[in-house]
PDB file of N, CA and C in Angstrom:
ATOM      1  N   MET A   1      -1.681 -22.448  42.752  1.00  0.00           N
ATOM      2  CA  MET A   1      -2.527 -23.464  42.178  1.00  0.00           C
ATOM      3  C   MET A   1      -2.557 -23.349  40.649  1.00  0.00           C
ATOM      4  N   ALA A   2      -2.569 -22.120  40.167  1.00  0.00           N
ATOM      5  CA  ALA A   2      -2.605 -21.907  38.718  1.00  0.00           C
ATOM      6  C   ALA A   2      -1.315 -22.397  38.067  1.00  0.00           C
ATOM      7  N   ALA A   3      -0.198 -22.292  38.799  1.00  0.00           N
ATOM      8  CA  ALA A   3       1.072 -22.770  38.249  1.00  0.00           C
ATOM      9  C   ALA A   3       1.066 -24.284  38.103  1.00  0.00           C
ATOM     10  N   MET A   4       0.434 -24.984  39.055  1.00  0.00           N
ATOM     11  CA  MET A   4       0.365 -26.450  38.975  1.00  0.00           C
ATOM     12  C   MET A   4      -0.515 -26.892  37.810  1.00  0.00           C
ATOM     13  N   VAL A   5      -1.615 -26.186  37.577  1.00  0.00           N
ATOM     14  CA  VAL A   5      -2.505 -26.509  36.464  1.00  0.00           C
ATOM     15  C   VAL A   5      -1.785 -26.261  35.150  1.00  0.00           C
ATOM     16  N   ALA A   6      -1.060 -25.163  35.075  1.00  0.00           N
ATOM     17  CA  ALA A   6      -0.322 -24.848  33.848  1.00  0.00           C
ATOM     18  C   ALA A   6       0.769 -25.880  33.593  1.00  0.00           C
ATOM     19  N   SER A   7       1.470 -26.307  34.632  1.00  0.00           N
ATOM     20  CA  SER A   7       2.525 -27.296  34.421  1.00  0.00           C
ATOM     21  C   SER A   7       1.926 -28.641  34.023  1.00  0.00           C
ATOM     22  N   GLY A   8       0.778 -28.996  34.571  1.00  0.00           N
ATOM     23  CA  GLY A   8       0.104 -30.236  34.167  1.00  0.00           C
ATOM     24  C   GLY A   8      -0.330 -30.175  32.713  1.00  0.00           C
ATOM     25  N   TYR A   9      -0.829 -29.017  32.318  1.00  0.00           N
ATOM     26  CA  TYR A   9      -1.226 -28.819  30.924  1.00  0.00           C
ATOM     27  C   TYR A   9      -0.010 -28.904  30.008  1.00  0.00           C
ATOM     28  N   ASP A  10       1.103 -28.339  30.425  1.00  0.00           N
ATOM     29  CA  ASP A  10       2.331 -28.403  29.626  1.00  0.00           C
ATOM     30  C   ASP A  10       2.804 -29.841  29.451  1.00  0.00           C
ATOM     31  N   ILE A  11       2.711 -30.619  30.507  1.00  0.00           N
ATOM     32  CA  ILE A  11       3.122 -32.032  30.422  1.00  0.00           C
ATOM     33  C   ILE A  11       2.224 -32.785  29.452  1.00  0.00           C
ATOM     34  N   LEU A  12       0.907 -32.566  29.577  1.00  0.00           N
ATOM     35  CA  LEU A  12      -0.019 -33.254  28.671  1.00  0.00           C
ATOM     36  C   LEU A  12       0.207 -32.870  27.218  1.00  0.00           C
ATOM     37  N   THR A  13       0.387 -31.593  26.960  1.00  0.00           N
ATOM     38  CA  THR A  13       0.587 -31.169  25.571  1.00  0.00           C
ATOM     39  C   THR A  13       1.942 -31.597  25.033  1.00  0.00           C
ATOM     40  N   SER A  14       2.934 -31.761  25.899  1.00  0.00           N
ATOM     41  CA  SER A  14       4.237 -32.220  25.408  1.00  0.00           C
ATOM     42  C   SER A  14       4.222 -33.729  25.124  1.00  0.00           C
ATOM     43  N   LEU A  15       3.370 -34.468  25.818  1.00  0.00           N
ATOM     44  CA  LEU A  15       3.288 -35.915  25.589  1.00  0.00           C
ATOM     45  C   LEU A  15       2.338 -36.282  24.453  1.00  0.00           C
ATOM     46  N   LEU A  16       1.447 -35.403  24.095  1.00  0.00           N
ATOM     47  CA  LEU A  16       0.441 -35.687  23.079  1.00  0.00           C
ATOM     48  C   LEU A  16       1.030 -36.161  21.741  1.00  0.00           C
ATOM     49  N   PRO A  17       2.058 -35.551  21.182  1.00  0.00           N
ATOM     50  CA  PRO A  17       2.600 -36.064  19.914  1.00  0.00           C
ATOM     51  C   PRO A  17       3.109 -37.505  20.020  1.00  0.00           C
ATOM     52  N   PHE A  18       3.696 -37.856  21.141  1.00  0.00           N
ATOM     53  CA  PHE A  18       4.197 -39.217  21.301  1.00  0.00           C
ATOM     54  C   PHE A  18       3.055 -40.219  21.434  1.00  0.00           C
ATOM     55  N   VAL A  19       2.012 -39.835  22.124  1.00  0.00           N
ATOM     56  CA  VAL A  19       0.839 -40.710  22.259  1.00  0.00           C
ATOM     57  C   VAL A  19       0.193 -40.919  20.895  1.00  0.00           C
ATOM     58  N   LEU A  20       0.065 -39.865  20.129  1.00  0.00           N
ATOM     59  CA  LEU A  20      -0.502 -39.989  18.783  1.00  0.00           C
ATOM     60  C   LEU A  20       0.380 -40.853  17.883  1.00  0.00           C
ATOM     61  N   LEU A  21       1.677 -40.677  17.965  1.00  0.00           N
ATOM     62  CA  LEU A  21       2.597 -41.485  17.166  1.00  0.00           C
ATOM     63  C   LEU A  21       2.503 -42.953  17.553  1.00  0.00           C
ATOM     64  N   PHE A  22       2.440 -43.228  18.843  1.00  0.00           N
ATOM     65  CA  PHE A  22       2.327 -44.589  19.321  1.00  0.00           C
ATOM     66  C   PHE A  22       1.016 -45.224  18.849  1.00  0.00           C
ATOM     67  N   GLY A  23      -0.075 -44.485  18.910  1.00  0.00           N
ATOM     68  CA  GLY A  23      -1.363 -44.994  18.432  1.00  0.00           C
ATOM     69  C   GLY A  23      -1.346 -45.267  16.935  1.00  0.00           C
ATOM     70  N   PHE A  24      -0.733 -44.389  16.167  1.00  0.00           N
ATOM     71  CA  PHE A  24      -0.619 -44.597  14.729  1.00  0.00           C
ATOM     72  C   PHE A  24       0.233 -45.817  14.417  1.00  0.00           C
ATOM     73  N   TRP A  25       1.304 -46.029  15.174  1.00  0.00           N
ATOM     74  CA  TRP A  25       2.167 -47.194  14.983  1.00  0.00           C
ATOM     75  C   TRP A  25       1.383 -48.483  15.240  1.00  0.00           C
ATOM     76  N   ILE A  26       0.587 -48.508  16.294  1.00  0.00           N
ATOM     77  CA  ILE A  26      -0.232 -49.690  16.594  1.00  0.00           C
ATOM     78  C   ILE A  26      -1.237 -49.931  15.457  1.00  0.00           C
ATOM     79  N   PHE A  27      -1.848 -48.861  14.982  1.00  0.00           N
ATOM     80  CA  PHE A  27      -2.789 -48.972  13.866  1.00  0.00           C
ATOM     81  C   PHE A  27      -2.114 -49.581  12.639  1.00  0.00           C
ATOM     82  N   LEU A  28      -0.930 -49.112  12.300  1.00  0.00           N
ATOM     83  CA  LEU A  28      -0.204 -49.651  11.142  1.00  0.00           C
ATOM     84  C   LEU A  28       0.165 -51.111  11.326  1.00  0.00           C
ATOM     85  N   MET A  29       0.623 -51.479  12.506  1.00  0.00           N
ATOM     86  CA  MET A  29       1.037 -52.854  12.746  1.00  0.00           C
ATOM     87  C   MET A  29      -0.140 -53.820  12.682  1.00  0.00           C
ATOM     88  N   LYS A  30      -1.304 -53.387  13.132  1.00  0.00           N
ATOM     89  CA  LYS A  30      -2.489 -54.248  13.020  1.00  0.00           C
ATOM     90  C   LYS A  30      -2.873 -54.450  11.570  1.00  0.00           C
ATOM     91  N   ASN A  31      -2.740 -53.423  10.757  1.00  0.00           N
ATOM     92  CA  ASN A  31      -3.051 -53.560   9.337  1.00  0.00           C
ATOM     93  C   ASN A  31      -2.043 -54.454   8.636  1.00  0.00           C
ATOM     94  N   VAL A  32      -0.774 -54.326   8.963  1.00  0.00           N
ATOM     95  CA  VAL A  32       0.259 -55.163   8.333  1.00  0.00           C
ATOM     96  C   VAL A  32       0.078 -56.607   8.768  1.00  0.00           C
ATOM     97  N   ARG A  33      -0.170 -56.829  10.042  1.00  0.00           N
ATOM     98  CA  ARG A  33      -0.339 -58.182  10.551  1.00  0.00           C
ATOM     99  C   ARG A  33      -1.572 -58.846   9.941  1.00  0.00           C
ATOM    100  N   GLY A  34      -2.571 -58.064   9.600  1.00  0.00           N
ATOM    101  CA  GLY A  34      -3.769 -58.612   8.971  1.00  0.00           C
ATOM    102  C   GLY A  34      -3.505 -59.111   7.563  1.00  0.00           C
ATOM    103  N   ARG A  35      -2.516 -58.576   6.886  1.00  0.00           N
ATOM    104  CA  ARG A  35      -2.201 -58.989   5.518  1.00  0.00           C
ATOM    105  C   ARG A  35      -1.196 -60.125   5.459  1.00  0.00           C
ATOM    106  N   LEU A  36      -0.489 -60.424   6.523  1.00  0.00           N
ATOM    107  CA  LEU A  36       0.568 -61.425   6.478  1.00  0.00           C
ATOM    108  C   LEU A  36       0.095 -62.838   6.147  1.00  0.00           C
ATOM    109  N   PRO A  37      -1.005 -63.335   6.666  1.00  0.00           N
ATOM    110  CA  PRO A  37      -1.356 -64.725   6.389  1.00  0.00           C
ATOM    111  C   PRO A  37      -1.507 -65.048   4.910  1.00  0.00           C
ATOM    112  N   THR A  38      -2.075 -64.167   4.113  1.00  0.00           N
ATOM    113  CA  THR A  38      -2.223 -64.469   2.701  1.00  0.00           C
ATOM    114  C   THR A  38      -0.888 -64.363   1.974  1.00  0.00           C
ATOM    115  N   GLN A  39      -0.035 -63.471   2.416  1.00  0.00           N
ATOM    116  CA  GLN A  39       1.235 -63.257   1.736  1.00  0.00           C
ATOM    117  C   GLN A  39       2.233 -64.363   2.052  1.00  0.00           C
ATOM    118  N   TYR A  40       2.239 -64.871   3.290  1.00  0.00           N
ATOM    119  CA  TYR A  40       3.231 -65.845   3.707  1.00  0.00           C
ATOM    120  C   TYR A  40       2.632 -67.236   3.926  1.00  0.00           C
ATOM    121  N   GLN A  41       1.470 -67.519   3.369  1.00  0.00           N
ATOM    122  CA  GLN A  41       0.829 -68.806   3.593  1.00  0.00           C
ATOM    123  C   GLN A  41       1.680 -69.982   3.102  1.00  0.00           C
ATOM    124  N   PRO A  42       2.357 -69.917   1.951  1.00  0.00           N
ATOM    125  CA  PRO A  42       3.203 -71.045   1.556  1.00  0.00           C
ATOM    126  C   PRO A  42       4.310 -71.336   2.577  1.00  0.00           C
ATOM    127  N   LEU A  43       4.886 -70.307   3.170  1.00  0.00           N
ATOM    128  CA  LEU A  43       5.912 -70.497   4.183  1.00  0.00           C
ATOM    129  C   LEU A  43       5.330 -71.162   5.422  1.00  0.00           C
ATOM    130  N   VAL A  44       4.157 -70.724   5.841  1.00  0.00           N
ATOM    131  CA  VAL A  44       3.503 -71.312   7.013  1.00  0.00           C
ATOM    132  C   VAL A  44       3.157 -72.772   6.737  1.00  0.00           C
ATOM    133  N   ASP A  45       2.685 -73.064   5.535  1.00  0.00           N
ATOM    134  CA  ASP A  45       2.366 -74.448   5.178  1.00  0.00           C
ATOM    135  C   ASP A  45       3.611 -75.331   5.221  1.00  0.00           C
ATOM    136  N   LYS A  46       4.722 -74.831   4.709  1.00  0.00           N
ATOM    137  CA  LYS A  46       5.968 -75.606   4.713  1.00  0.00           C
ATOM    138  C   LYS A  46       6.453 -75.841   6.142  1.00  0.00           C
ATOM    139  N   LEU A  47       6.374 -74.823   6.988  1.00  0.00           N
ATOM    140  CA  LEU A  47       6.772 -74.986   8.379  1.00  0.00           C
ATOM    141  C   LEU A  47       5.885 -76.017   9.091  1.00  0.00           C
ATOM    142  N   GLU A  48       4.610 -76.043   8.762  1.00  0.00           N
ATOM    143  CA  GLU A  48       3.707 -77.039   9.341  1.00  0.00           C
ATOM    144  C   GLU A  48       4.081 -78.446   8.870  1.00  0.00           C
ATOM    145  N   GLU A  49       4.467 -78.597   7.604  1.00  0.00           N
ATOM    146  CA  GLU A  49       4.933 -79.895   7.101  1.00  0.00           C
ATOM    147  C   GLU A  49       6.190 -80.345   7.845  1.00  0.00           C
ATOM    148  N   ILE A  50       7.113 -79.424   8.068  1.00  0.00           N
ATOM    149  CA  ILE A  50       8.347 -79.750   8.783  1.00  0.00           C
ATOM    150  C   ILE A  50       8.041 -80.157  10.215  1.00  0.00           C
ATOM    151  N   ARG A  51       7.131 -79.434  10.869  1.00  0.00           N
ATOM    152  CA  ARG A  51       6.753 -79.780  12.239  1.00  0.00           C
ATOM    153  C   ARG A  51       6.132 -81.173  12.305  1.00  0.00           C
ATOM    154  N   ALA A  52       5.259 -81.491  11.353  1.00  0.00           N
ATOM    155  CA  ALA A  52       4.626 -82.812  11.324  1.00  0.00           C
ATOM    156  C   ALA A  52       5.666 -83.906  11.089  1.00  0.00           C
ATOM    157  N   GLU A  53       6.618 -83.652  10.211  1.00  0.00           N
ATOM    158  CA  GLU A  53       7.675 -84.639   9.949  1.00  0.00           C
ATOM    159  C   GLU A  53       8.547 -84.859  11.178  1.00  0.00           C
ATOM    160  N   LEU A  54       8.895 -83.794  11.878  1.00  0.00           N
ATOM    161  CA  LEU A  54       9.685 -83.936  13.107  1.00  0.00           C
ATOM    162  C   LEU A  54       8.921 -84.726  14.172  1.00  0.00           C
ATOM    163  N   GLU A  55       7.637 -84.498  14.270  1.00  0.00           N
ATOM    164  CA  GLU A  55       6.813 -85.248  15.225  1.00  0.00           C
ATOM    165  C   GLU A  55       6.779 -86.725  14.846  1.00  0.00           C
ATOM    166  N   ARG A  56       6.646 -87.024  13.548  1.00  0.00           N
ATOM    167  CA  ARG A  56       6.648 -88.418  13.094  1.00  0.00           C
ATOM    168  C   ARG A  56       7.980 -89.096  13.397  1.00  0.00           C
ATOM    169  N   LEU A  57       9.083 -88.378  13.155  1.00  0.00           N
ATOM    170  CA  LEU A  57      10.407 -88.928  13.442  1.00  0.00           C
ATOM    171  C   LEU A  57      10.611 -89.157  14.940  1.00  0.00           C
ATOM    172  N   ARG A  58      10.124 -88.229  15.773  1.00  0.00           N
ATOM    173  CA  ARG A  58      10.253 -88.381  17.216  1.00  0.00           C
ATOM    174  C   ARG A  58       9.507 -89.625  17.695  1.00  0.00           C
ATOM    175  N   LYS A  59       8.317 -89.840  17.172  1.00  0.00           N
ATOM    176  CA  LYS A  59       7.548 -91.027  17.562  1.00  0.00           C
ATOM    177  C   LYS A  59       8.217 -92.307  17.085  1.00  0.00           C
ATOM    178  N   ALA A  60       8.818 -92.282  15.888  1.00  0.00           N
ATOM    179  CA  ALA A  60       9.505 -93.461  15.372  1.00  0.00           C
ATOM    180  C   ALA A  60      10.716 -93.803  16.233  1.00  0.00           C
ATOM    181  N   VAL A  61      11.453 -92.795  16.672  1.00  0.00           N
ATOM    182  CA  VAL A  61      12.622 -93.023  17.523  1.00  0.00           C
ATOM    183  C   VAL A  61      12.186 -93.533  18.891  1.00  0.00           C
ATOM    184  N   GLU A  62      11.123 -92.984  19.438  1.00  0.00           N
ATOM    185  CA  GLU A  62      10.618 -93.448  20.732  1.00  0.00           C
ATOM    186  C   GLU A  62      10.167 -94.899  20.663  1.00  0.00           C
ATOM    187  N   ALA A  63       9.550 -95.289  19.560  1.00  0.00           N
ATOM    188  CA  ALA A  63       9.083 -96.671  19.414  1.00  0.00           C
ATOM    189  C   ALA A  63      10.245 -97.635  19.241  1.00  0.00           C
ATOM    190  N   ARG A  64      11.338 -97.182  18.678  1.00  0.00           N
ATOM    191  CA  ARG A  64      12.475 -98.055  18.416  1.00  0.00           C
ATOM    192  C   ARG A  64      13.383 -98.206  19.624  1.00  0.00           C
ATOM    193  N   GLU A  65      13.531 -97.176  20.435  1.00  0.00           N
ATOM    194  CA  GLU A  65      14.452 -97.227  21.572  1.00  0.00           C
ATOM    195  C   GLU A  65      13.730 -97.696  22.832  1.00  0.00           C
ATOM    196  N   PRO A  66      14.396 -98.505  23.642  1.00  0.00           N
ATOM    197  CA  PRO A  66      13.798 -98.872  24.936  1.00  0.00           C
ATOM    198  C   PRO A  66      13.734 -97.657  25.865  1.00  0.00           C
ATOM    199  N   GLU A  67      12.841 -97.723  26.836  1.00  0.00           N
ATOM    200  CA  GLU A  67      12.620 -96.593  27.759  1.00  0.00           C
ATOM    201  C   GLU A  67      13.878 -96.240  28.531  1.00  0.00           C
ATOM    202  N   ALA A  68      14.693 -97.197  28.912  1.00  0.00           N
ATOM    203  CA  ALA A  68      15.884 -96.970  29.732  1.00  0.00           C
ATOM    204  C   ALA A  68      16.957 -96.198  28.969  1.00  0.00           C
ATOM    205  N   ASP A  69      16.998 -96.292  27.649  1.00  0.00           N
ATOM    206  CA  ASP A  69      18.039 -95.641  26.857  1.00  0.00           C
ATOM    207  C   ASP A  69      17.726 -94.182  26.532  1.00  0.00           C
ATOM    208  N   ARG A  70      16.569 -93.694  26.911  1.00  0.00           N
ATOM    209  CA  ARG A  70      16.194 -92.308  26.574  1.00  0.00           C
ATOM    210  C   ARG A  70      16.647 -91.367  27.674  1.00  0.00           C
ATOM    211  N   SER A  71      17.797 -90.770  27.474  1.00  0.00           N
ATOM    212  CA  SER A  71      18.278 -89.799  28.453  1.00  0.00           C
ATOM    213  C   SER A  71      18.013 -88.364  28.008  1.00  0.00           C
ATOM    214  N   GLY A  72      17.652 -88.164  26.752  1.00  0.00           N
ATOM    215  CA  GLY A  72      17.398 -86.819  26.242  1.00  0.00           C
ATOM    216  C   GLY A  72      18.594 -86.222  25.538  1.00  0.00           C
ATOM    217  N   PHE A  73      19.792 -86.745  25.820  1.00  0.00           N
ATOM    218  CA  PHE A  73      21.003 -86.241  25.195  1.00  0.00           C
ATOM    219  C   PHE A  73      21.711 -87.371  24.469  1.00  0.00           C
ATOM    220  N   ARG A  74      22.245 -87.056  23.341  1.00  0.00           N
ATOM    221  CA  ARG A  74      22.970 -88.063  22.548  1.00  0.00           C
ATOM    222  C   ARG A  74      24.447 -87.628  22.492  1.00  0.00           C
ATOM    223  N   SER A  75      25.324 -88.606  22.484  1.00  0.00           N
ATOM    224  CA  SER A  75      26.749 -88.274  22.370  1.00  0.00           C
ATOM    225  C   SER A  75      27.266 -88.617  21.001  1.00  0.00           C
TER     226      SER A  75
END
């Protein structure tokens, strides 16, 4: 029984550095992700403009083409 307890303790102590490293990595990534919106806000704004323009173009094409001609693929 003592051998099983010792082997369990050995497993826990051998995994501890990896668990700590993984926790530290998560901590760092949360801090980095928290700073991204202010740093990349112009990029996000531009992507939102592009998305809005694509949506406007899609609606314009749908309004111009009859329902029967919309197959989803163009040749």
